[in-house]
Amino acid sequence: MDEYSKLSPFGIDETEPSNYATPSYNPNALHAGFPSPAQNYMNGTIDLNRVLVRHRETTFFARVDGDSMKDAEIGNGDIVVIDKSLDVKDGDIVVAHIDGDFVLRRIKIDKTKKCVWLLTADENASPTKITDENDFRIWGVVTYTIKKIR
């Protein structure tokens, strides 16, 4: 197996290391206010694949490069979970393939003008109107973001 056969189309290693420990999990809500006495009694485990991946065959992970979606709380270095099997809805954050490039954008479906817009989440960037001249397709819908805090 060469080093590239285990990578998703976006370069994330998809192999399942057998030496990773399964993190402990508290199935109760984690309160952001006063501490809960139940936090001292965390038990059980969590399988993030079961939580983050609805459709194994059509789900991919990608690392974000750039800050065009920063105001949607998706920043440089974050990992997005993308499901290719989902139908696109107005307002979804999607991975689109436009004119040879993959981009991460919010989709705006304008039914009155019968057009589609790709919007960044950066107030300094302009939206992109999709026209017949564009080579365009939706590659998948973003379902989760994984952020490194520290």
Protein backbone atom coordinates (compact mmCIF):
# COMPACT_ATOMS: atom_id res chain seq x y z
CA MET A 1 0.00 0.00 0.00
CA ASP A 2 1.55 3.30 -1.02
CA GLU A 3 1.32 6.34 1.25
CA TYR A 4 -1.41 7.99 -0.84
CA SER A 5 -3.87 5.09 -0.97
CA LYS A 6 -4.87 5.62 2.64
CA LEU A 7 -5.70 9.32 2.16
CA SER A 8 -9.06 10.87 1.41
CA PRO A 9 -9.23 13.10 -1.67
CA PHE A 10 -8.26 15.99 0.60
CA GLY A 11 -5.20 14.39 2.21
CA ILE A 12 -6.60 13.22 5.56
CA ASP A 13 -5.30 9.84 6.73
CA GLU A 14 -8.32 7.53 6.93
CA THR A 15 -6.59 4.47 8.36
CA GLU A 16 -7.85 3.25 11.70
CA PRO A 17 -4.93 3.05 14.16
CA SER A 18 -5.41 0.13 16.52
CA ASN A 19 -3.33 1.67 19.31
CA TYR A 20 -5.59 4.70 19.92
CA ALA A 21 -7.40 4.72 23.24
CA THR A 22 -11.15 5.22 23.17
CA PRO A 23 -11.93 8.44 25.08
CA SER A 24 -14.26 8.37 28.08
CA TYR A 25 -17.67 9.80 27.47
CA ASN A 26 -20.38 11.30 29.67
CA PRO A 27 -23.72 10.86 27.86
CA ASN A 28 -25.27 13.68 29.89
CA ALA A 29 -25.17 17.26 28.67
CA LEU A 30 -22.06 19.22 29.53
CA HIS A 31 -23.14 22.42 31.24
CA ALA A 32 -21.24 25.56 30.38
CA GLY A 33 -22.43 27.29 33.56
CA PHE A 34 -22.14 25.85 37.07
CA PRO A 35 -20.32 22.49 37.25
CA SER A 36 -22.46 19.39 37.44
CA PRO A 37 -21.79 16.82 40.20
CA ALA A 38 -22.22 14.12 37.52
CA GLN A 39 -18.97 15.21 35.86
CA ASN A 40 -17.09 13.24 38.52
CA TYR A 41 -18.82 10.05 37.34
CA MET A 42 -18.05 9.96 33.63
CA ASN A 43 -18.36 6.48 32.25
CA GLY A 44 -18.79 4.81 28.93
CA THR A 45 -16.93 5.50 25.71
CA ILE A 46 -17.64 7.36 22.52
CA ASP A 47 -16.87 6.30 18.96
CA LEU A 48 -16.54 9.52 16.98
CA ASN A 49 -17.10 7.63 13.73
CA ARG A 50 -20.56 6.67 14.95
CA VAL A 51 -21.31 10.27 15.96
CA LEU A 52 -19.83 12.12 12.97
CA VAL A 53 -20.33 9.69 10.08
CA ARG A 54 -23.90 8.96 8.95
CA HIS A 55 -23.01 7.36 5.61
CA ARG A 56 -19.61 5.66 5.72
CA GLU A 57 -19.27 5.18 1.97
CA THR A 58 -19.98 8.82 1.13
CA THR A 59 -18.34 10.67 4.03
CA PHE A 60 -14.95 12.33 3.79
CA PHE A 61 -12.78 14.54 5.99
CA ALA A 62 -10.89 17.60 4.75
CA ARG A 63 -8.59 20.11 6.38
CA VAL A 64 -9.54 23.73 5.73
CA ASP A 65 -6.90 25.96 4.16
CA GLY A 66 -7.72 29.65 4.55
CA ASP A 67 -10.09 31.89 6.47
CA SER A 68 -12.88 32.64 3.99
CA MET A 69 -15.39 30.88 6.29
CA LYS A 70 -14.10 32.36 9.55
CA ASP A 71 -17.35 34.16 10.36
CA ALA A 72 -19.12 30.78 10.16
CA GLU A 73 -16.69 29.54 12.84
CA ILE A 74 -14.73 27.44 10.31
CA GLY A 75 -11.10 28.50 10.28
CA ASN A 76 -7.73 27.65 8.83
CA GLY A 77 -6.63 24.18 9.96
CA ASP A 78 -10.09 22.99 11.04
CA ILE A 79 -11.30 19.65 9.75
CA VAL A 80 -14.71 19.46 8.09
CA VAL A 81 -16.81 16.32 7.76
CA ILE A 82 -18.41 16.15 4.30
CA ASP A 83 -21.29 13.89 3.27
CA LYS A 84 -21.68 13.47 -0.49
CA SER A 85 -25.03 11.67 -0.20
CA LEU A 86 -27.03 14.57 1.26
CA ASP A 87 -29.34 16.74 -0.81
CA VAL A 88 -28.23 20.36 -0.84
CA LYS A 89 -30.49 22.88 0.89
CA ASP A 90 -30.38 26.66 0.76
CA GLY A 91 -27.97 27.88 3.44
CA ASP A 92 -25.90 24.67 3.63
CA ILE A 93 -22.14 24.91 3.84
CA VAL A 94 -20.84 22.87 0.94
CA VAL A 95 -17.70 21.78 -0.80
CA ALA A 96 -18.13 22.87 -4.40
CA HIS A 97 -16.01 22.17 -7.45
CA ILE A 98 -15.98 25.30 -9.59
CA ASP A 99 -13.84 25.80 -12.66
CA GLY A 100 -11.27 23.24 -11.51
CA ASP A 101 -11.01 24.30 -7.85
CA PHE A 102 -12.54 22.90 -4.68
CA VAL A 103 -13.98 25.62 -2.43
CA LEU A 104 -15.77 25.69 0.90
CA ARG A 105 -18.78 28.04 0.75
CA ARG A 106 -22.33 28.62 1.93
CA ILE A 107 -24.83 28.04 -0.87
CA LYS A 108 -27.62 30.49 -1.61
CA ILE A 109 -30.33 29.19 -3.92
CA ASP A 110 -32.24 32.16 -5.30
CA LYS A 111 -35.50 30.71 -6.63
CA THR A 112 -36.90 34.06 -7.73
CA LYS A 113 -33.90 34.86 -9.95
CA LYS A 114 -33.32 31.16 -10.71
CA CYS A 115 -29.62 31.25 -9.85
CA VAL A 116 -27.14 29.93 -7.31
CA TRP A 117 -24.62 31.94 -5.31
CA LEU A 118 -21.58 30.76 -3.38
CA LEU A 119 -21.01 32.92 -0.30
CA THR A 120 -17.97 33.19 1.89
CA ALA A 121 -18.27 33.94 5.57
CA ASP A 122 -15.85 36.82 5.38
CA GLU A 123 -17.34 40.30 5.07
CA ASN A 124 -14.42 41.41 2.87
CA ALA A 125 -15.06 38.82 0.13
CA SER A 126 -17.58 39.04 -2.70
CA PRO A 127 -20.14 36.32 -3.43
CA THR A 128 -19.77 34.23 -6.59
CA LYS A 129 -22.75 33.91 -8.93
CA ILE A 130 -22.84 30.57 -10.72
CA THR A 131 -23.52 30.97 -14.44
CA ASP A 132 -23.78 28.61 -17.40
CA GLU A 133 -20.15 29.40 -18.22
CA ASN A 134 -18.93 27.86 -14.94
CA ASP A 135 -17.90 24.23 -14.66
CA PHE A 136 -19.76 23.71 -11.38
CA ARG A 137 -20.97 20.91 -9.14
CA ILE A 138 -21.62 20.39 -5.47
CA TRP A 139 -19.16 17.81 -4.17
CA GLY A 140 -20.75 17.39 -0.72
CA VAL A 141 -22.45 18.97 2.27
CA VAL A 142 -20.51 19.83 5.44
CA THR A 143 -22.10 18.17 8.47
CA TYR A 144 -19.55 18.82 11.25
CA THR A 145 -16.44 20.86 11.99
CA ILE A 146 -13.60 19.59 14.16
CA LYS A 147 -11.57 22.38 15.75
CA LYS A 148 -8.30 22.33 17.59
CA ILE A 149 -8.59 24.59 20.62
CA ARG A 150 -5.08 24.20 21.97
